[in-house]
Amino acid sequence: MDSIALNWSDKTTPDRADRARKAWALYGGEYADGIGDPTGNPVEDLIADLLHLANTDEHPGGAPGVMSRAVRNYEAELASWPAGPAGAGGEGGEPEAAGRYLAQARGANAVWLTVGQGDDRRTVAELLWKAMQEAEFRFSELAAHTEDLMKGYVIASNDGFEFRVIERDER
């Protein structure tokens, strides 16, 4: 693995949107009377219906668990692909500054890759959970590792992947 981002997915943001459009077309075809209703947001309705499905079909954690994991996945996926052409948003294609803390990961002897950012150190540390699981950390270890990341430690996996949370100006 050359980059932790390759572990997440080979899909870009537009690929993910295209995948969602297929589900959206089925949902919209079934509930066309509500699509375009100016009093509501049909995408929000679909998301709410999916959360009801998570509760009804007993997905792990129910709707709150699914929502929490979905938001973490969404935020992690945003960081793995630039939103526009190379150079958009800042030097090297990085997004504009949008938070005090950076969640970063790197493979053995590689450069640090920013995978998320924000103003709350704990929330930023939690953005690394998916990548840490891909690097074979156990789910049961993640809370303790989050505490270590918040204290400024660099966490390393057995295969050389490293994770850290730093203040933006520490780069």
N, C-alpha and C. Protein backbone atom coordinates (compact mmCIF):
# COMPACT_ATOMS: atom_id res chain seq x y z
N MET A 1 0.83 -1.18 0.00
CA MET A 1 0.00 0.00 0.00
C MET A 1 0.88 1.25 0.00
N ASP A 2 0.72 2.07 -1.01
CA ASP A 2 1.51 3.29 -1.08
C ASP A 2 0.89 4.41 -0.27
N SER A 3 -0.40 4.41 -0.11
CA SER A 3 -1.08 5.49 0.58
C SER A 3 -2.28 4.93 1.31
N ILE A 4 -2.51 5.43 2.51
CA ILE A 4 -3.66 4.96 3.29
C ILE A 4 -4.97 5.26 2.56
N ALA A 5 -4.99 6.33 1.75
CA ALA A 5 -6.21 6.69 1.02
C ALA A 5 -6.60 5.59 0.02
N LEU A 6 -5.60 4.88 -0.52
CA LEU A 6 -5.92 3.80 -1.44
C LEU A 6 -6.65 2.66 -0.74
N ASN A 7 -6.41 2.55 0.55
CA ASN A 7 -7.08 1.52 1.33
C ASN A 7 -8.57 1.81 1.48
N TRP A 8 -8.94 3.07 1.52
CA TRP A 8 -10.33 3.43 1.75
C TRP A 8 -11.19 3.07 0.57
N SER A 9 -10.79 3.51 -0.61
CA SER A 9 -11.62 3.24 -1.77
C SER A 9 -10.93 3.81 -3.00
N ASP A 10 -11.26 3.26 -4.15
CA ASP A 10 -10.75 3.82 -5.39
C ASP A 10 -11.78 4.74 -6.03
N LYS A 11 -12.85 5.05 -5.32
CA LYS A 11 -13.91 5.90 -5.85
C LYS A 11 -13.65 7.36 -5.51
N THR A 12 -13.89 8.23 -6.48
CA THR A 12 -13.78 9.66 -6.27
C THR A 12 -15.12 10.20 -5.78
N THR A 13 -15.13 11.47 -5.39
CA THR A 13 -16.38 12.09 -4.96
C THR A 13 -17.44 12.02 -6.07
N PRO A 14 -17.10 12.33 -7.33
CA PRO A 14 -18.12 12.17 -8.40
C PRO A 14 -18.58 10.73 -8.57
N ASP A 15 -17.66 9.75 -8.39
CA ASP A 15 -18.06 8.33 -8.47
C ASP A 15 -19.10 8.01 -7.40
N ARG A 16 -18.86 8.50 -6.20
CA ARG A 16 -19.78 8.24 -5.10
C ARG A 16 -21.14 8.89 -5.38
N ALA A 17 -21.11 10.10 -5.92
CA ALA A 17 -22.36 10.78 -6.25
C ALA A 17 -23.12 10.00 -7.33
N ASP A 18 -22.41 9.48 -8.32
CA ASP A 18 -23.06 8.68 -9.36
C ASP A 18 -23.69 7.42 -8.78
N ARG A 19 -23.00 6.80 -7.84
CA ARG A 19 -23.54 5.61 -7.18
C ARG A 19 -24.83 5.97 -6.43
N ALA A 20 -24.82 7.10 -5.76
CA ALA A 20 -26.01 7.54 -5.01
C ALA A 20 -27.16 7.90 -5.96
N ARG A 21 -26.83 8.43 -7.13
CA ARG A 21 -27.88 8.79 -8.09
C ARG A 21 -28.72 7.58 -8.48
N LYS A 22 -28.10 6.41 -8.55
CA LYS A 22 -28.84 5.18 -8.88
C LYS A 22 -29.89 4.90 -7.82
N ALA A 23 -29.49 5.00 -6.55
CA ALA A 23 -30.45 4.79 -5.46
C ALA A 23 -31.50 5.90 -5.47
N TRP A 24 -31.05 7.12 -5.74
CA TRP A 24 -31.95 8.26 -5.77
C TRP A 24 -33.01 8.09 -6.86
N ALA A 25 -32.61 7.58 -8.02
CA ALA A 25 -33.55 7.37 -9.13
C ALA A 25 -34.63 6.36 -8.72
N LEU A 26 -34.23 5.29 -8.05
CA LEU A 26 -35.21 4.30 -7.58
C LEU A 26 -36.14 4.91 -6.55
N TYR A 27 -35.58 5.64 -5.61
CA TYR A 27 -36.38 6.25 -4.55
C TYR A 27 -37.31 7.31 -5.15
N GLY A 28 -36.78 8.14 -6.02
CA GLY A 28 -37.58 9.18 -6.66
C GLY A 28 -38.69 8.61 -7.52
N GLY A 29 -38.42 7.48 -8.19
CA GLY A 29 -39.45 6.84 -9.00
C GLY A 29 -40.59 6.30 -8.16
N GLU A 30 -40.27 5.84 -6.97
CA GLU A 30 -41.27 5.29 -6.06
C GLU A 30 -42.07 6.39 -5.38
N TYR A 31 -41.41 7.50 -5.06
CA TYR A 31 -42.04 8.57 -4.29
C TYR A 31 -42.00 9.89 -5.05
N ALA A 32 -42.27 9.83 -6.35
CA ALA A 32 -42.16 11.00 -7.21
C ALA A 32 -43.05 12.15 -6.76
N ASP A 33 -44.16 11.84 -6.08
CA ASP A 33 -45.05 12.92 -5.66
C ASP A 33 -44.38 13.85 -4.65
N GLY A 34 -43.40 13.34 -3.87
CA GLY A 34 -42.72 14.17 -2.88
C GLY A 34 -41.47 14.85 -3.42
N ILE A 35 -40.96 14.38 -4.53
CA ILE A 35 -39.74 14.96 -5.11
C ILE A 35 -40.07 16.34 -5.65
N GLY A 36 -39.26 17.29 -5.29
CA GLY A 36 -39.46 18.66 -5.76
C GLY A 36 -40.45 19.44 -4.92
N ASP A 37 -40.95 18.87 -3.84
CA ASP A 37 -41.86 19.58 -2.94
C ASP A 37 -41.10 20.74 -2.31
N PRO A 38 -41.54 21.98 -2.53
CA PRO A 38 -40.79 23.13 -2.03
C PRO A 38 -40.78 23.24 -0.51
N THR A 39 -41.63 22.48 0.18
CA THR A 39 -41.67 22.57 1.64
C THR A 39 -40.66 21.64 2.30
N GLY A 40 -40.04 20.77 1.55
CA GLY A 40 -39.11 19.82 2.15
C GLY A 40 -37.90 19.59 1.27
N ASN A 41 -36.98 18.79 1.76
CA ASN A 41 -35.80 18.43 1.01
C ASN A 41 -35.85 16.93 0.78
N PRO A 42 -36.05 16.48 -0.45
CA PRO A 42 -36.21 15.06 -0.70
C PRO A 42 -34.96 14.24 -0.37
N VAL A 43 -33.76 14.83 -0.47
CA VAL A 43 -32.57 14.09 -0.08
C VAL A 43 -32.60 13.83 1.42
N GLU A 44 -33.02 14.83 2.19
CA GLU A 44 -33.15 14.64 3.64
C GLU A 44 -34.21 13.58 3.94
N ASP A 45 -35.28 13.55 3.17
CA ASP A 45 -36.32 12.53 3.36
C ASP A 45 -35.75 11.13 3.12
N LEU A 46 -34.94 10.98 2.08
CA LEU A 46 -34.33 9.69 1.79
C LEU A 46 -33.41 9.28 2.94
N ILE A 47 -32.60 10.20 3.41
CA ILE A 47 -31.70 9.90 4.53
C ILE A 47 -32.50 9.49 5.76
N ALA A 48 -33.56 10.24 6.06
CA ALA A 48 -34.40 9.89 7.22
C ALA A 48 -35.02 8.51 7.04
N ASP A 49 -35.49 8.19 5.83
CA ASP A 49 -36.06 6.87 5.58
C ASP A 49 -35.00 5.77 5.76
N LEU A 50 -33.77 6.04 5.34
CA LEU A 50 -32.70 5.06 5.54
C LEU A 50 -32.40 4.85 7.02
N LEU A 51 -32.51 5.90 7.81
CA LEU A 51 -32.32 5.75 9.26
C LEU A 51 -33.45 4.93 9.88
N HIS A 52 -34.67 5.11 9.39
CA HIS A 52 -35.78 4.27 9.85
C HIS A 52 -35.50 2.80 9.48
N LEU A 53 -34.96 2.59 8.30
CA LEU A 53 -34.60 1.24 7.87
C LEU A 53 -33.55 0.64 8.81
N ALA A 54 -32.56 1.45 9.21
CA ALA A 54 -31.52 0.97 10.13
C ALA A 54 -32.13 0.49 11.44
N ASN A 55 -33.12 1.22 11.94
CA ASN A 55 -33.80 0.80 13.18
C ASN A 55 -34.64 -0.45 12.96
N THR A 56 -35.43 -0.44 11.91
CA THR A 56 -36.35 -1.55 11.64
C THR A 56 -35.61 -2.85 11.36
N ASP A 57 -34.54 -2.79 10.59
CA ASP A 57 -33.78 -3.99 10.23
C ASP A 57 -32.67 -4.30 11.22
N GLU A 58 -32.62 -3.55 12.32
CA GLU A 58 -31.69 -3.79 13.42
C GLU A 58 -30.23 -3.77 12.98
N HIS A 59 -29.85 -2.74 12.24
CA HIS A 59 -28.44 -2.55 11.90
C HIS A 59 -27.68 -2.20 13.17
N PRO A 60 -26.40 -2.57 13.29
CA PRO A 60 -25.65 -2.30 14.53
C PRO A 60 -25.72 -0.84 14.95
N GLY A 61 -26.17 -0.62 16.16
CA GLY A 61 -26.29 0.74 16.69
C GLY A 61 -27.56 1.46 16.28
N GLY A 62 -28.39 0.81 15.47
CA GLY A 62 -29.62 1.46 15.01
C GLY A 62 -29.31 2.73 14.24
N ALA A 63 -30.30 3.61 14.14
CA ALA A 63 -30.14 4.85 13.38
C ALA A 63 -28.99 5.71 13.91
N PRO A 64 -28.84 5.89 15.23
CA PRO A 64 -27.73 6.72 15.70
C PRO A 64 -26.36 6.15 15.33
N GLY A 65 -26.20 4.83 15.43
CA GLY A 65 -24.93 4.22 15.07
C GLY A 65 -24.63 4.35 13.59
N VAL A 66 -25.65 4.10 12.77
CA VAL A 66 -25.48 4.22 11.32
C VAL A 66 -25.15 5.66 10.95
N MET A 67 -25.86 6.61 11.54
CA MET A 67 -25.61 8.02 11.23
C MET A 67 -24.19 8.42 11.63
N SER A 68 -23.76 8.02 12.80
CA SER A 68 -22.42 8.36 13.27
C SER A 68 -21.35 7.79 12.34
N ARG A 69 -21.49 6.51 11.99
CA ARG A 69 -20.51 5.90 11.09
C ARG A 69 -20.57 6.52 9.70
N ALA A 70 -21.76 6.83 9.23
CA ALA A 70 -21.90 7.43 7.90
C ALA A 70 -21.22 8.80 7.84
N VAL A 71 -21.40 9.59 8.88
CA VAL A 71 -20.77 10.92 8.91
C VAL A 71 -19.26 10.77 8.94
N ARG A 72 -18.74 9.84 9.76
CA ARG A 72 -17.29 9.63 9.81
C ARG A 72 -16.78 9.17 8.45
N ASN A 73 -17.48 8.24 7.82
CA ASN A 73 -17.06 7.77 6.49
C ASN A 73 -17.08 8.90 5.48
N TYR A 74 -18.16 9.68 5.49
CA TYR A 74 -18.29 10.81 4.57
C TYR A 74 -17.12 11.77 4.74
N GLU A 75 -16.83 12.14 5.99
CA GLU A 75 -15.74 13.09 6.24
C GLU A 75 -14.39 12.51 5.83
N ALA A 76 -14.17 11.23 6.10
CA ALA A 76 -12.91 10.60 5.70
C ALA A 76 -12.78 10.53 4.18
N GLU A 77 -13.88 10.24 3.51
CA GLU A 77 -13.86 10.14 2.05
C GLU A 77 -13.62 11.50 1.41
N LEU A 78 -14.12 12.55 2.00
CA LEU A 78 -13.89 13.89 1.45
C LEU A 78 -12.41 14.20 1.40
N ALA A 79 -11.70 13.79 2.43
CA ALA A 79 -10.29 14.12 2.51
C ALA A 79 -9.44 13.29 1.56
N SER A 80 -9.94 12.17 1.07
CA SER A 80 -9.11 11.29 0.25
C SER A 80 -9.09 11.70 -1.22
N TRP A 81 -9.95 12.61 -1.62
CA TRP A 81 -9.98 13.04 -3.02
C TRP A 81 -10.19 14.54 -3.08
N PRO A 82 -9.42 15.24 -3.93
CA PRO A 82 -9.65 16.68 -4.07
C PRO A 82 -11.03 16.96 -4.65
N ALA A 83 -11.62 18.07 -4.25
CA ALA A 83 -12.96 18.42 -4.71
C ALA A 83 -12.97 18.89 -6.15
N GLY A 84 -11.86 19.35 -6.64
CA GLY A 84 -11.81 19.87 -8.01
C GLY A 84 -10.49 19.50 -8.66
N PRO A 85 -10.13 20.22 -9.73
CA PRO A 85 -8.89 19.92 -10.42
C PRO A 85 -7.68 20.18 -9.53
N ALA A 86 -6.55 19.57 -9.87
CA ALA A 86 -5.32 19.75 -9.09
C ALA A 86 -5.05 21.23 -8.91
N GLY A 87 -4.70 21.59 -7.69
CA GLY A 87 -4.43 22.99 -7.39
C GLY A 87 -5.64 23.74 -6.90
N ALA A 88 -6.83 23.16 -6.99
CA ALA A 88 -8.04 23.86 -6.54
C ALA A 88 -8.05 23.93 -5.03
N GLY A 89 -8.40 25.07 -4.50
CA GLY A 89 -8.56 25.20 -3.06
C GLY A 89 -7.31 25.54 -2.31
N GLY A 90 -6.15 25.42 -2.90
CA GLY A 90 -4.93 25.74 -2.18
C GLY A 90 -3.74 25.10 -2.87
N GLU A 91 -2.58 25.36 -2.37
CA GLU A 91 -1.37 24.83 -2.96
C GLU A 91 -1.37 23.31 -2.88
N GLY A 92 -1.02 22.65 -3.98
CA GLY A 92 -0.97 21.20 -3.99
C GLY A 92 -2.33 20.54 -4.01
N GLY A 93 -3.40 21.29 -4.25
CA GLY A 93 -4.73 20.71 -4.31
C GLY A 93 -5.36 20.48 -2.95
N GLU A 94 -4.73 20.94 -1.87
CA GLU A 94 -5.30 20.76 -0.54
C GLU A 94 -6.45 21.73 -0.33
N PRO A 95 -7.43 21.35 0.48
CA PRO A 95 -8.54 22.26 0.75
C PRO A 95 -8.07 23.48 1.52
N GLU A 96 -8.83 24.54 1.41
CA GLU A 96 -8.54 25.74 2.18
C GLU A 96 -8.60 25.42 3.67
N ALA A 97 -7.88 26.19 4.46
CA ALA A 97 -7.87 25.99 5.91
C ALA A 97 -9.30 26.03 6.46
N ALA A 98 -9.65 25.01 7.23
CA ALA A 98 -11.02 24.96 7.77
C ALA A 98 -11.03 24.32 9.14
N GLY A 99 -10.04 24.60 9.94
CA GLY A 99 -10.04 24.05 11.28
C GLY A 99 -8.69 24.21 11.93
N ARG A 100 -8.71 24.20 13.23
CA ARG A 100 -7.48 24.40 14.00
C ARG A 100 -6.60 23.15 14.00
N TYR A 101 -7.23 21.95 13.97
CA TYR A 101 -6.49 20.70 14.07
C TYR A 101 -6.56 19.91 12.76
N LEU A 102 -5.49 19.15 12.49
CA LEU A 102 -5.42 18.29 11.31
C LEU A 102 -5.28 16.84 11.76
N ALA A 103 -6.06 15.94 11.16
CA ALA A 103 -5.88 14.50 11.34
C ALA A 103 -5.02 14.04 10.19
N GLN A 104 -3.90 13.39 10.50
CA GLN A 104 -2.97 12.99 9.45
C GLN A 104 -2.58 11.53 9.57
N ALA A 105 -2.27 10.93 8.43
CA ALA A 105 -1.82 9.55 8.37
C ALA A 105 -0.71 9.46 7.34
N ARG A 106 0.12 8.44 7.49
CA ARG A 106 1.14 8.18 6.47
C ARG A 106 1.55 6.73 6.53
N GLY A 107 1.96 6.23 5.37
CA GLY A 107 2.52 4.89 5.31
C GLY A 107 3.96 4.93 5.78
N ALA A 108 4.59 3.76 5.86
CA ALA A 108 5.97 3.68 6.31
C ALA A 108 6.86 4.58 5.43
N ASN A 109 7.57 5.48 6.08
CA ASN A 109 8.52 6.38 5.41
C ASN A 109 7.89 7.24 4.31
N ALA A 110 6.62 7.55 4.43
CA ALA A 110 5.92 8.38 3.44
C ALA A 110 5.66 9.76 4.03
N VAL A 111 5.14 10.65 3.21
CA VAL A 111 4.79 11.99 3.68
C VAL A 111 3.44 11.93 4.39
N TRP A 112 3.21 12.87 5.30
CA TRP A 112 1.93 12.94 6.02
C TRP A 112 0.83 13.36 5.07
N LEU A 113 -0.30 12.69 5.13
CA LEU A 113 -1.49 13.00 4.33
C LEU A 113 -2.56 13.49 5.28
N THR A 114 -3.07 14.69 5.05
CA THR A 114 -4.16 15.22 5.87
C THR A 114 -5.45 14.56 5.43
N VAL A 115 -6.12 13.88 6.37
CA VAL A 115 -7.35 13.16 6.05
C VAL A 115 -8.58 13.81 6.66
N GLY A 116 -8.39 14.85 7.44
CA GLY A 116 -9.51 15.54 8.04
C GLY A 116 -9.04 16.74 8.84
N GLN A 117 -9.96 17.61 9.17
CA GLN A 117 -9.61 18.81 9.93
C GLN A 117 -10.83 19.32 10.66
N GLY A 118 -10.60 20.11 11.69
CA GLY A 118 -11.69 20.67 12.46
C GLY A 118 -11.18 21.44 13.65
N ASP A 119 -12.11 21.95 14.45
CA ASP A 119 -11.74 22.76 15.60
C ASP A 119 -11.76 22.00 16.92
N ASP A 120 -12.34 20.79 16.95
CA ASP A 120 -12.39 19.99 18.16
C ASP A 120 -11.40 18.83 18.03
N ARG A 121 -10.42 18.78 18.92
CA ARG A 121 -9.35 17.77 18.82
C ARG A 121 -9.91 16.34 18.83
N ARG A 122 -10.89 16.05 19.68
CA ARG A 122 -11.45 14.69 19.75
C ARG A 122 -12.14 14.32 18.43
N THR A 123 -12.96 15.21 17.92
CA THR A 123 -13.66 14.93 16.66
C THR A 123 -12.66 14.69 15.53
N VAL A 124 -11.61 15.48 15.50
CA VAL A 124 -10.59 15.32 14.47
C VAL A 124 -9.89 13.97 14.63
N ALA A 125 -9.56 13.60 15.86
CA ALA A 125 -8.91 12.30 16.11
C ALA A 125 -9.82 11.16 15.65
N GLU A 126 -11.12 11.29 15.87
CA GLU A 126 -12.05 10.24 15.47
C GLU A 126 -12.16 10.09 13.95
N LEU A 127 -11.75 11.11 13.21
CA LEU A 127 -11.74 11.00 11.75
C LEU A 127 -10.73 9.96 11.28
N LEU A 128 -9.79 9.60 12.13
CA LEU A 128 -8.78 8.61 11.77
C LEU A 128 -9.22 7.17 12.03
N TRP A 129 -10.37 6.97 12.66
CA TRP A 129 -10.80 5.63 13.04
C TRP A 129 -10.86 4.66 11.86
N LYS A 130 -11.44 5.05 10.77
CA LYS A 130 -11.57 4.14 9.63
C LYS A 130 -10.19 3.74 9.12
N ALA A 131 -9.32 4.72 8.98
CA ALA A 131 -7.97 4.43 8.50
C ALA A 131 -7.22 3.54 9.49
N MET A 132 -7.42 3.77 10.78
CA MET A 132 -6.76 2.95 11.79
C MET A 132 -7.27 1.51 11.74
N GLN A 133 -8.55 1.32 11.49
CA GLN A 133 -9.08 -0.03 11.35
C GLN A 133 -8.52 -0.70 10.10
N GLU A 134 -8.36 0.07 9.03
CA GLU A 134 -7.75 -0.47 7.80
C GLU A 134 -6.31 -0.89 8.05
N ALA A 135 -5.64 -0.21 8.98
CA ALA A 135 -4.26 -0.53 9.34
C ALA A 135 -4.22 -1.61 10.44
N GLU A 136 -5.35 -2.27 10.67
CA GLU A 136 -5.48 -3.43 11.56
C GLU A 136 -5.46 -3.11 13.05
N PHE A 137 -5.85 -1.89 13.43
CA PHE A 137 -6.10 -1.61 14.83
C PHE A 137 -7.47 -2.21 15.15
N ARG A 138 -7.62 -2.73 16.35
CA ARG A 138 -8.91 -3.29 16.76
C ARG A 138 -9.87 -2.17 17.15
N PHE A 139 -11.15 -2.38 16.87
CA PHE A 139 -12.15 -1.38 17.22
C PHE A 139 -12.10 -1.08 18.71
N SER A 140 -11.88 -2.10 19.53
CA SER A 140 -11.85 -1.91 20.98
C SER A 140 -10.68 -1.03 21.44
N GLU A 141 -9.69 -0.83 20.60
CA GLU A 141 -8.53 0.01 20.95
C GLU A 141 -8.72 1.48 20.57
N LEU A 142 -9.70 1.75 19.72
CA LEU A 142 -9.79 3.09 19.12
C LEU A 142 -10.03 4.20 20.14
N ALA A 143 -10.84 3.96 21.15
CA ALA A 143 -11.10 5.01 22.15
C ALA A 143 -9.81 5.39 22.88
N ALA A 144 -9.03 4.40 23.28
CA ALA A 144 -7.77 4.68 23.97
C ALA A 144 -6.79 5.39 23.04
N HIS A 145 -6.74 4.96 21.79
CA HIS A 145 -5.85 5.63 20.83
C HIS A 145 -6.30 7.06 20.56
N THR A 146 -7.61 7.30 20.58
CA THR A 146 -8.12 8.66 20.42
C THR A 146 -7.59 9.55 21.53
N GLU A 147 -7.61 9.05 22.76
CA GLU A 147 -7.07 9.82 23.89
C GLU A 147 -5.59 10.13 23.67
N ASP A 148 -4.82 9.15 23.19
CA ASP A 148 -3.40 9.37 22.93
C ASP A 148 -3.19 10.39 21.82
N LEU A 149 -3.99 10.30 20.77
CA LEU A 149 -3.88 11.27 19.67
C LEU A 149 -4.18 12.68 20.17
N MET A 150 -5.17 12.79 21.07
CA MET A 150 -5.52 14.11 21.62
C MET A 150 -4.38 14.69 22.46
N LYS A 151 -3.55 13.82 23.05
CA LYS A 151 -2.41 14.27 23.85
C LYS A 151 -1.20 14.62 22.99
N GLY A 152 -1.30 14.35 21.67
CA GLY A 152 -0.21 14.70 20.77
C GLY A 152 0.70 13.55 20.39
N TYR A 153 0.36 12.32 20.81
CA TYR A 153 1.18 11.17 20.46
C TYR A 153 0.98 10.78 19.00
N VAL A 154 2.02 10.18 18.41
CA VAL A 154 1.91 9.56 17.09
C VAL A 154 1.65 8.08 17.35
N ILE A 155 0.59 7.54 16.74
CA ILE A 155 0.22 6.14 16.91
C ILE A 155 0.71 5.39 15.67
N ALA A 156 1.41 4.27 15.88
CA ALA A 156 1.95 3.50 14.76
C ALA A 156 1.37 2.09 14.77
N SER A 157 1.06 1.58 13.59
CA SER A 157 0.57 0.21 13.46
C SER A 157 1.76 -0.73 13.27
N ASN A 158 1.51 -2.02 13.37
CA ASN A 158 2.57 -3.00 13.20
C ASN A 158 3.20 -2.97 11.81
N ASP A 159 2.42 -2.54 10.80
CA ASP A 159 2.95 -2.51 9.44
C ASP A 159 3.47 -1.13 9.04
N GLY A 160 3.66 -0.23 10.01
CA GLY A 160 4.34 1.03 9.74
C GLY A 160 3.47 2.23 9.46
N PHE A 161 2.15 2.07 9.43
CA PHE A 161 1.29 3.25 9.25
C PHE A 161 1.30 4.06 10.53
N GLU A 162 1.33 5.38 10.37
CA GLU A 162 1.35 6.27 11.52
C GLU A 162 0.19 7.25 11.43
N PHE A 163 -0.29 7.66 12.60
CA PHE A 163 -1.44 8.55 12.70
C PHE A 163 -1.14 9.61 13.73
N ARG A 164 -1.59 10.84 13.48
CA ARG A 164 -1.39 11.92 14.44
C ARG A 164 -2.46 12.98 14.26
N VAL A 165 -2.63 13.80 15.31
CA VAL A 165 -3.46 15.00 15.26
C VAL A 165 -2.56 16.14 15.69
N ILE A 166 -2.47 17.15 14.83
CA ILE A 166 -1.60 18.28 15.12
C ILE A 166 -2.37 19.58 14.95
N GLU A 167 -1.83 20.63 15.54
CA GLU A 167 -2.39 21.96 15.28
C GLU A 167 -1.96 22.36 13.88
N ARG A 168 -2.81 23.09 13.20
CA ARG A 168 -2.57 23.46 11.81
C ARG A 168 -1.18 24.06 11.58
N ASP A 169 -0.69 24.89 12.47
CA ASP A 169 0.59 25.57 12.23
C ASP A 169 1.80 24.71 12.57
N GLU A 170 1.62 23.46 13.01
CA GLU A 170 2.74 22.56 13.35
C GLU A 170 3.29 21.83 12.14
N ARG A 171 2.67 21.94 10.99
CA ARG A 171 3.09 21.19 9.81
C ARG A 171 4.57 21.19 9.71
